[in-house]
Amino acid sequence: MIYSIWAMDVNWLIGIDNKLPWHYKLDLAYFKEKTTGKTVLMGDATYRSLKGYYKNKPLPFGKMYVANLINTEYEDATCITDVVEFVKSFSDDLWIIGGKVIYNLTLPYVDYLLITHILNFHQGNVFFTKFELSKYELVDKKLEENLIFATYKKK
């Protein structure tokens, strides 16, 4: 199965200068609960951003793949230069964790979307590309403190 997880505000905002434009403890805990120890795919900018948050601590994921157009050596991750081919041929569970370009490239292959809908407006400069959420079935929803944790399954 392929999972994609992100948080976005009511305007589909997901970031500001390779950082989160908000700090919601419940959302961070949710992301950590879902992705810790899992095999993840992220873009180079997301990888570097997470390294900035974690400083000298190891990232909490299992196997990590980092998408980069340039074949790059990572001390704790494997570089992927062809995201679509990689995702199409991946046979185990894979979690897509960002950023925008990686989400866009992988969305056609994702089985489940785990979206934290933030019921507020925030300032930022990176927006999720709008798509037809009606192509997915809502299978789980939980409302907590201005956040909706929603899981969608591809129809």
N, C-alpha and C. Protein backbone atom coordinates (compact mmCIF):
# COMPACT_ATOMS: atom_id res chain seq x y z
N MET A 1 0.84 -1.19 0.00
CA MET A 1 0.00 0.00 0.00
C MET A 1 0.88 1.25 0.00
N ILE A 2 0.36 2.26 -0.63
CA ILE A 2 1.05 3.54 -0.63
C ILE A 2 0.17 4.55 0.08
N TYR A 3 0.76 5.23 1.04
CA TYR A 3 0.07 6.21 1.86
C TYR A 3 0.71 7.57 1.62
N SER A 4 -0.11 8.60 1.66
CA SER A 4 0.40 9.96 1.57
C SER A 4 -0.16 10.72 2.77
N ILE A 5 0.71 11.42 3.49
CA ILE A 5 0.28 12.10 4.71
C ILE A 5 0.75 13.54 4.68
N TRP A 6 -0.18 14.45 4.99
CA TRP A 6 0.18 15.87 5.09
C TRP A 6 -0.89 16.61 5.86
N ALA A 7 -0.56 17.83 6.23
CA ALA A 7 -1.52 18.75 6.85
C ALA A 7 -1.67 19.95 5.94
N MET A 8 -2.89 20.48 5.87
CA MET A 8 -3.11 21.68 5.07
C MET A 8 -4.21 22.52 5.70
N ASP A 9 -4.09 23.84 5.52
CA ASP A 9 -5.12 24.71 6.07
C ASP A 9 -6.29 24.82 5.10
N VAL A 10 -7.24 25.69 5.38
CA VAL A 10 -8.45 25.78 4.57
C VAL A 10 -8.17 26.27 3.15
N ASN A 11 -7.04 26.91 2.91
CA ASN A 11 -6.65 27.34 1.57
C ASN A 11 -5.70 26.36 0.89
N TRP A 12 -5.54 25.17 1.43
CA TRP A 12 -4.66 24.12 0.92
C TRP A 12 -3.19 24.49 1.10
N LEU A 13 -2.90 25.38 2.02
CA LEU A 13 -1.52 25.75 2.34
C LEU A 13 -0.84 24.61 3.07
N ILE A 14 0.41 24.28 2.66
CA ILE A 14 1.15 23.21 3.34
C ILE A 14 2.52 23.66 3.84
N GLY A 15 3.00 24.84 3.43
CA GLY A 15 4.33 25.22 3.87
C GLY A 15 4.68 26.67 3.67
N ILE A 16 5.80 27.01 4.28
CA ILE A 16 6.40 28.33 4.09
C ILE A 16 7.92 28.16 4.14
N ASP A 17 8.55 28.38 3.02
CA ASP A 17 10.02 28.30 2.94
C ASP A 17 10.58 27.00 3.51
N ASN A 18 10.03 25.86 3.09
CA ASN A 18 10.47 24.53 3.52
C ASN A 18 10.28 24.26 5.01
N LYS A 19 9.29 24.93 5.59
CA LYS A 19 8.95 24.68 6.99
C LYS A 19 7.43 24.63 7.09
N LEU A 20 6.95 24.13 8.22
CA LEU A 20 5.52 24.17 8.49
C LEU A 20 5.14 25.58 8.93
N PRO A 21 4.03 26.11 8.44
CA PRO A 21 3.63 27.46 8.82
C PRO A 21 2.84 27.51 10.14
N TRP A 22 2.81 26.42 10.85
CA TRP A 22 2.05 26.32 12.10
C TRP A 22 2.74 25.34 13.03
N HIS A 23 2.22 25.28 14.25
CA HIS A 23 2.71 24.29 15.22
C HIS A 23 1.51 23.79 16.01
N TYR A 24 1.02 22.63 15.62
CA TYR A 24 -0.08 21.98 16.32
C TYR A 24 0.46 20.67 16.90
N LYS A 25 0.54 20.61 18.21
CA LYS A 25 1.11 19.42 18.85
C LYS A 25 0.38 18.14 18.47
N LEU A 26 -0.95 18.22 18.38
CA LEU A 26 -1.73 17.03 18.02
C LEU A 26 -1.40 16.55 16.61
N ASP A 27 -1.19 17.48 15.69
CA ASP A 27 -0.85 17.09 14.33
C ASP A 27 0.55 16.49 14.28
N LEU A 28 1.50 17.08 14.98
CA LEU A 28 2.86 16.53 15.00
C LEU A 28 2.87 15.13 15.62
N ALA A 29 2.08 14.95 16.68
CA ALA A 29 2.00 13.63 17.32
C ALA A 29 1.35 12.61 16.37
N TYR A 30 0.35 13.03 15.63
CA TYR A 30 -0.33 12.16 14.67
C TYR A 30 0.64 11.73 13.57
N PHE A 31 1.37 12.69 13.02
CA PHE A 31 2.35 12.39 11.98
C PHE A 31 3.40 11.41 12.51
N LYS A 32 3.87 11.66 13.70
CA LYS A 32 4.89 10.79 14.30
C LYS A 32 4.33 9.38 14.53
N GLU A 33 3.11 9.30 15.06
CA GLU A 33 2.48 8.01 15.32
C GLU A 33 2.35 7.19 14.02
N LYS A 34 1.96 7.84 12.96
CA LYS A 34 1.71 7.14 11.69
C LYS A 34 2.99 6.76 10.95
N THR A 35 4.07 7.55 11.09
CA THR A 35 5.25 7.35 10.25
C THR A 35 6.47 6.78 10.96
N THR A 36 6.50 6.78 12.28
CA THR A 36 7.67 6.27 12.99
C THR A 36 7.92 4.81 12.63
N GLY A 37 9.15 4.54 12.24
CA GLY A 37 9.56 3.19 11.89
C GLY A 37 9.13 2.74 10.50
N LYS A 38 8.40 3.57 9.78
CA LYS A 38 7.87 3.21 8.47
C LYS A 38 8.85 3.57 7.35
N THR A 39 8.68 2.93 6.21
CA THR A 39 9.44 3.27 5.02
C THR A 39 8.83 4.52 4.41
N VAL A 40 9.66 5.55 4.21
CA VAL A 40 9.14 6.83 3.73
C VAL A 40 9.87 7.29 2.47
N LEU A 41 9.16 8.11 1.72
CA LEU A 41 9.72 8.79 0.55
C LEU A 41 9.46 10.27 0.72
N MET A 42 10.51 11.06 0.52
CA MET A 42 10.38 12.51 0.62
C MET A 42 11.33 13.16 -0.38
N GLY A 43 11.10 14.41 -0.65
CA GLY A 43 12.00 15.17 -1.50
C GLY A 43 13.21 15.65 -0.71
N ASP A 44 14.22 16.10 -1.42
CA ASP A 44 15.45 16.57 -0.79
C ASP A 44 15.20 17.75 0.15
N ALA A 45 14.36 18.69 -0.25
CA ALA A 45 14.09 19.86 0.59
C ALA A 45 13.39 19.44 1.89
N THR A 46 12.47 18.49 1.80
CA THR A 46 11.80 17.98 3.00
C THR A 46 12.80 17.28 3.91
N TYR A 47 13.67 16.49 3.31
CA TYR A 47 14.70 15.79 4.08
C TYR A 47 15.57 16.80 4.84
N ARG A 48 16.02 17.83 4.17
CA ARG A 48 16.88 18.83 4.81
C ARG A 48 16.12 19.62 5.88
N SER A 49 14.85 19.89 5.62
CA SER A 49 14.03 20.58 6.60
C SER A 49 13.87 19.74 7.87
N LEU A 50 13.56 18.45 7.69
CA LEU A 50 13.43 17.56 8.85
C LEU A 50 14.73 17.46 9.63
N LYS A 51 15.85 17.40 8.92
CA LYS A 51 17.16 17.36 9.58
C LYS A 51 17.34 18.61 10.44
N GLY A 52 16.83 19.74 9.97
CA GLY A 52 16.90 20.98 10.76
C GLY A 52 16.08 20.91 12.03
N TYR A 53 14.91 20.28 11.95
CA TYR A 53 14.07 20.13 13.14
C TYR A 53 14.69 19.15 14.14
N TYR A 54 15.25 18.07 13.64
CA TYR A 54 15.77 17.00 14.50
C TYR A 54 17.20 17.24 14.95
N LYS A 55 17.87 18.23 14.37
CA LYS A 55 19.26 18.58 14.70
C LYS A 55 20.15 17.33 14.60
N ASN A 56 20.72 16.90 15.70
CA ASN A 56 21.66 15.77 15.70
C ASN A 56 20.99 14.42 15.98
N LYS A 57 19.67 14.44 16.18
CA LYS A 57 18.95 13.19 16.43
C LYS A 57 18.66 12.51 15.10
N PRO A 58 18.62 11.18 15.10
CA PRO A 58 18.25 10.48 13.85
C PRO A 58 16.76 10.70 13.55
N LEU A 59 16.43 10.73 12.29
CA LEU A 59 15.02 10.82 11.91
C LEU A 59 14.31 9.54 12.34
N PRO A 60 13.04 9.62 12.74
CA PRO A 60 12.36 8.47 13.36
C PRO A 60 11.79 7.43 12.41
N PHE A 61 12.15 7.50 11.16
CA PHE A 61 11.57 6.59 10.18
C PHE A 61 12.39 5.31 10.07
N GLY A 62 11.81 4.34 9.39
CA GLY A 62 12.55 3.12 9.07
C GLY A 62 13.44 3.42 7.87
N LYS A 63 13.24 2.71 6.80
CA LYS A 63 14.00 2.94 5.57
C LYS A 63 13.55 4.27 4.96
N MET A 64 14.52 5.08 4.55
CA MET A 64 14.21 6.39 3.97
C MET A 64 14.71 6.48 2.54
N TYR A 65 13.85 7.00 1.68
CA TYR A 65 14.20 7.28 0.30
C TYR A 65 14.03 8.78 0.09
N VAL A 66 15.02 9.39 -0.53
CA VAL A 66 14.97 10.82 -0.79
C VAL A 66 15.03 11.04 -2.30
N ALA A 67 14.05 11.74 -2.82
CA ALA A 67 14.00 12.04 -4.25
C ALA A 67 14.85 13.26 -4.55
N ASN A 68 15.68 13.12 -5.56
CA ASN A 68 16.56 14.21 -5.97
C ASN A 68 16.87 13.99 -7.45
N LEU A 69 16.83 15.05 -8.23
CA LEU A 69 17.15 14.92 -9.65
C LEU A 69 18.63 14.57 -9.86
N ILE A 70 19.44 14.95 -8.89
CA ILE A 70 20.88 14.65 -8.95
C ILE A 70 21.16 13.50 -8.02
N ASN A 71 21.82 12.47 -8.51
CA ASN A 71 22.15 11.32 -7.66
C ASN A 71 23.04 11.81 -6.51
N THR A 72 22.50 11.76 -5.30
CA THR A 72 23.15 12.34 -4.13
C THR A 72 23.35 11.27 -3.06
N GLU A 73 24.47 11.33 -2.37
CA GLU A 73 24.73 10.42 -1.25
C GLU A 73 24.11 11.00 0.02
N TYR A 74 23.33 10.19 0.72
CA TYR A 74 22.76 10.56 2.01
C TYR A 74 23.27 9.55 3.03
N GLU A 75 23.64 10.04 4.21
CA GLU A 75 24.21 9.14 5.22
C GLU A 75 23.20 8.13 5.76
N ASP A 76 21.91 8.47 5.71
CA ASP A 76 20.90 7.61 6.32
C ASP A 76 19.72 7.33 5.39
N ALA A 77 19.88 7.62 4.10
CA ALA A 77 18.78 7.43 3.16
C ALA A 77 19.32 7.03 1.78
N THR A 78 18.43 6.49 0.97
CA THR A 78 18.77 6.11 -0.39
C THR A 78 18.20 7.15 -1.34
N CYS A 79 19.00 7.59 -2.28
CA CYS A 79 18.58 8.57 -3.27
C CYS A 79 17.78 7.90 -4.38
N ILE A 80 16.67 8.53 -4.75
CA ILE A 80 15.83 8.08 -5.85
C ILE A 80 15.79 9.21 -6.88
N THR A 81 16.14 8.91 -8.12
CA THR A 81 16.13 9.96 -9.14
C THR A 81 14.90 9.90 -10.05
N ASP A 82 14.17 8.78 -10.03
CA ASP A 82 12.95 8.66 -10.82
C ASP A 82 11.81 8.27 -9.89
N VAL A 83 11.11 9.26 -9.38
CA VAL A 83 10.07 9.05 -8.36
C VAL A 83 8.94 8.17 -8.90
N VAL A 84 8.44 8.48 -10.06
CA VAL A 84 7.29 7.74 -10.60
C VAL A 84 7.64 6.27 -10.80
N GLU A 85 8.76 6.00 -11.42
CA GLU A 85 9.17 4.60 -11.65
C GLU A 85 9.37 3.88 -10.32
N PHE A 86 9.97 4.56 -9.36
CA PHE A 86 10.19 3.98 -8.04
C PHE A 86 8.86 3.60 -7.37
N VAL A 87 7.92 4.53 -7.35
CA VAL A 87 6.64 4.28 -6.69
C VAL A 87 5.85 3.20 -7.42
N LYS A 88 5.84 3.24 -8.74
CA LYS A 88 5.11 2.23 -9.52
C LYS A 88 5.63 0.83 -9.26
N SER A 89 6.92 0.69 -9.00
CA SER A 89 7.51 -0.64 -8.83
C SER A 89 7.68 -1.04 -7.37
N PHE A 90 7.32 -0.16 -6.44
CA PHE A 90 7.51 -0.46 -5.02
C PHE A 90 6.46 -1.47 -4.58
N SER A 91 6.87 -2.52 -3.88
CA SER A 91 5.95 -3.61 -3.56
C SER A 91 5.60 -3.72 -2.07
N ASP A 92 6.14 -2.86 -1.25
CA ASP A 92 5.88 -2.90 0.19
C ASP A 92 5.10 -1.64 0.57
N ASP A 93 4.80 -1.47 1.86
CA ASP A 93 4.15 -0.24 2.31
C ASP A 93 5.13 0.92 2.19
N LEU A 94 4.63 2.05 1.70
CA LEU A 94 5.44 3.24 1.51
C LEU A 94 4.63 4.45 1.92
N TRP A 95 5.27 5.33 2.68
CA TRP A 95 4.64 6.56 3.14
C TRP A 95 5.27 7.75 2.44
N ILE A 96 4.45 8.54 1.75
CA ILE A 96 4.89 9.75 1.08
C ILE A 96 4.72 10.89 2.08
N ILE A 97 5.83 11.60 2.39
CA ILE A 97 5.76 12.62 3.44
C ILE A 97 6.15 14.02 2.97
N GLY A 98 6.23 14.24 1.67
CA GLY A 98 6.46 15.60 1.18
C GLY A 98 7.67 15.74 0.30
N GLY A 99 7.82 16.86 -0.28
CA GLY A 99 6.98 18.04 -0.29
C GLY A 99 6.06 18.05 -1.50
N LYS A 100 5.69 19.25 -1.88
CA LYS A 100 4.67 19.46 -2.89
C LYS A 100 4.93 18.69 -4.19
N VAL A 101 6.12 18.76 -4.73
CA VAL A 101 6.42 18.08 -5.99
C VAL A 101 6.27 16.57 -5.84
N ILE A 102 6.76 16.03 -4.73
CA ILE A 102 6.67 14.59 -4.50
C ILE A 102 5.21 14.17 -4.34
N TYR A 103 4.43 14.97 -3.61
CA TYR A 103 3.00 14.67 -3.50
C TYR A 103 2.34 14.65 -4.88
N ASN A 104 2.63 15.65 -5.71
CA ASN A 104 2.02 15.73 -7.05
C ASN A 104 2.40 14.54 -7.92
N LEU A 105 3.68 14.16 -7.89
CA LEU A 105 4.14 13.06 -8.72
C LEU A 105 3.56 11.71 -8.30
N THR A 106 3.35 11.54 -7.01
CA THR A 106 2.93 10.23 -6.50
C THR A 106 1.42 10.08 -6.32
N LEU A 107 0.67 11.16 -6.31
CA LEU A 107 -0.77 11.09 -6.03
C LEU A 107 -1.51 10.05 -6.87
N PRO A 108 -1.22 9.90 -8.16
CA PRO A 108 -1.96 8.89 -8.93
C PRO A 108 -1.75 7.45 -8.45
N TYR A 109 -0.73 7.20 -7.66
CA TYR A 109 -0.38 5.84 -7.23
C TYR A 109 -0.71 5.57 -5.76
N VAL A 110 -1.21 6.58 -5.07
CA VAL A 110 -1.47 6.48 -3.64
C VAL A 110 -2.79 5.77 -3.38
N ASP A 111 -2.77 4.84 -2.42
CA ASP A 111 -3.98 4.11 -2.03
C ASP A 111 -4.76 4.82 -0.93
N TYR A 112 -4.03 5.44 0.01
CA TYR A 112 -4.66 6.11 1.15
C TYR A 112 -4.07 7.50 1.33
N LEU A 113 -4.96 8.46 1.62
CA LEU A 113 -4.54 9.82 1.97
C LEU A 113 -4.85 10.02 3.44
N LEU A 114 -3.87 10.48 4.19
CA LEU A 114 -4.09 10.85 5.58
C LEU A 114 -3.85 12.35 5.65
N ILE A 115 -4.95 13.09 5.70
CA ILE A 115 -4.87 14.55 5.65
C ILE A 115 -5.34 15.13 6.97
N THR A 116 -4.51 15.99 7.53
CA THR A 116 -4.94 16.79 8.66
C THR A 116 -5.46 18.09 8.08
N HIS A 117 -6.76 18.30 8.18
CA HIS A 117 -7.37 19.54 7.72
C HIS A 117 -7.32 20.53 8.89
N ILE A 118 -6.59 21.61 8.68
CA ILE A 118 -6.45 22.64 9.71
C ILE A 118 -7.53 23.69 9.47
N LEU A 119 -8.38 23.87 10.44
CA LEU A 119 -9.54 24.73 10.29
C LEU A 119 -9.22 26.19 10.61
N ASN A 120 -8.10 26.65 10.13
CA ASN A 120 -7.64 28.03 10.30
C ASN A 120 -6.94 28.47 9.03
N PHE A 121 -6.70 29.78 8.94
CA PHE A 121 -5.90 30.34 7.85
C PHE A 121 -4.50 30.62 8.38
N HIS A 122 -3.50 30.36 7.56
CA HIS A 122 -2.11 30.63 7.92
C HIS A 122 -1.41 31.32 6.76
N GLN A 123 -0.26 31.90 7.05
CA GLN A 123 0.55 32.55 6.03
C GLN A 123 1.59 31.55 5.52
N GLY A 124 1.79 31.53 4.21
CA GLY A 124 2.79 30.65 3.65
C GLY A 124 2.92 30.86 2.16
N ASN A 125 3.76 30.04 1.53
CA ASN A 125 3.98 30.20 0.09
C ASN A 125 3.98 28.87 -0.68
N VAL A 126 3.61 27.79 -0.02
CA VAL A 126 3.54 26.49 -0.71
C VAL A 126 2.14 25.91 -0.47
N PHE A 127 1.44 25.68 -1.58
CA PHE A 127 0.07 25.18 -1.51
C PHE A 127 0.00 23.81 -2.19
N PHE A 128 -0.80 22.93 -1.61
CA PHE A 128 -1.05 21.65 -2.24
C PHE A 128 -1.82 21.91 -3.52
N THR A 129 -1.46 21.24 -4.60
CA THR A 129 -2.18 21.38 -5.85
C THR A 129 -3.57 20.76 -5.69
N LYS A 130 -4.60 21.53 -5.98
CA LYS A 130 -5.96 21.03 -5.79
C LYS A 130 -6.23 19.85 -6.72
N PHE A 131 -6.97 18.89 -6.20
CA PHE A 131 -7.34 17.68 -6.93
C PHE A 131 -8.75 17.29 -6.49
N GLU A 132 -9.32 16.33 -7.18
CA GLU A 132 -10.68 15.89 -6.88
C GLU A 132 -10.68 14.91 -5.70
N LEU A 133 -10.98 15.42 -4.53
CA LEU A 133 -11.06 14.56 -3.35
C LEU A 133 -12.22 13.58 -3.47
N SER A 134 -13.16 13.85 -4.37
CA SER A 134 -14.30 12.95 -4.58
C SER A 134 -13.87 11.61 -5.18
N LYS A 135 -12.62 11.51 -5.64
CA LYS A 135 -12.11 10.23 -6.16
C LYS A 135 -11.69 9.31 -5.01
N TYR A 136 -11.86 9.82 -3.79
CA TYR A 136 -11.49 9.06 -2.60
C TYR A 136 -12.70 8.95 -1.68
N GLU A 137 -12.75 7.87 -0.94
CA GLU A 137 -13.83 7.64 0.02
C GLU A 137 -13.30 7.94 1.42
N LEU A 138 -14.03 8.74 2.17
CA LEU A 138 -13.66 9.03 3.55
C LEU A 138 -13.91 7.78 4.38
N VAL A 139 -12.86 7.25 5.01
CA VAL A 139 -13.01 6.02 5.79
C VAL A 139 -12.83 6.25 7.29
N ASP A 140 -12.28 7.40 7.66
CA ASP A 140 -12.12 7.70 9.08
C ASP A 140 -11.98 9.21 9.25
N LYS A 141 -12.58 9.72 10.33
CA LYS A 141 -12.51 11.16 10.60
C LYS A 141 -12.56 11.38 12.09
N LYS A 142 -11.69 12.26 12.57
CA LYS A 142 -11.66 12.60 13.98
C LYS A 142 -11.43 14.11 14.10
N LEU A 143 -12.29 14.78 14.86
CA LEU A 143 -12.19 16.22 15.05
C LEU A 143 -11.60 16.52 16.42
N GLU A 144 -10.54 17.34 16.43
CA GLU A 144 -9.90 17.75 17.68
C GLU A 144 -9.30 19.13 17.54
N GLU A 145 -9.70 20.07 18.38
CA GLU A 145 -9.07 21.39 18.48
C GLU A 145 -8.67 22.02 17.14
N ASN A 146 -9.63 22.39 16.33
CA ASN A 146 -9.39 23.04 15.03
C ASN A 146 -8.70 22.14 14.01
N LEU A 147 -8.68 20.85 14.24
CA LEU A 147 -8.06 19.91 13.31
C LEU A 147 -9.04 18.78 13.00
N ILE A 148 -9.05 18.39 11.74
CA ILE A 148 -9.79 17.18 11.36
C ILE A 148 -8.76 16.21 10.82
N PHE A 149 -8.63 15.07 11.47
CA PHE A 149 -7.74 14.01 11.01
C PHE A 149 -8.59 13.08 10.14
N ALA A 150 -8.34 13.12 8.83
CA ALA A 150 -9.19 12.37 7.90
C ALA A 150 -8.35 11.36 7.12
N THR A 151 -8.92 10.18 6.96
CA THR A 151 -8.28 9.15 6.13
C THR A 151 -9.21 8.85 4.97
N TYR A 152 -8.63 8.88 3.77
CA TYR A 152 -9.38 8.64 2.55
C TYR A 152 -8.77 7.44 1.83
N LYS A 153 -9.64 6.63 1.23
CA LYS A 153 -9.19 5.47 0.45
C LYS A 153 -9.57 5.72 -1.01
N LYS A 154 -8.64 5.42 -1.92
CA LYS A 154 -8.94 5.60 -3.34
C LYS A 154 -10.10 4.69 -3.71
N LYS A 155 -11.08 5.25 -4.45
CA LYS A 155 -12.26 4.48 -4.88
C LYS A 155 -11.88 3.51 -5.98
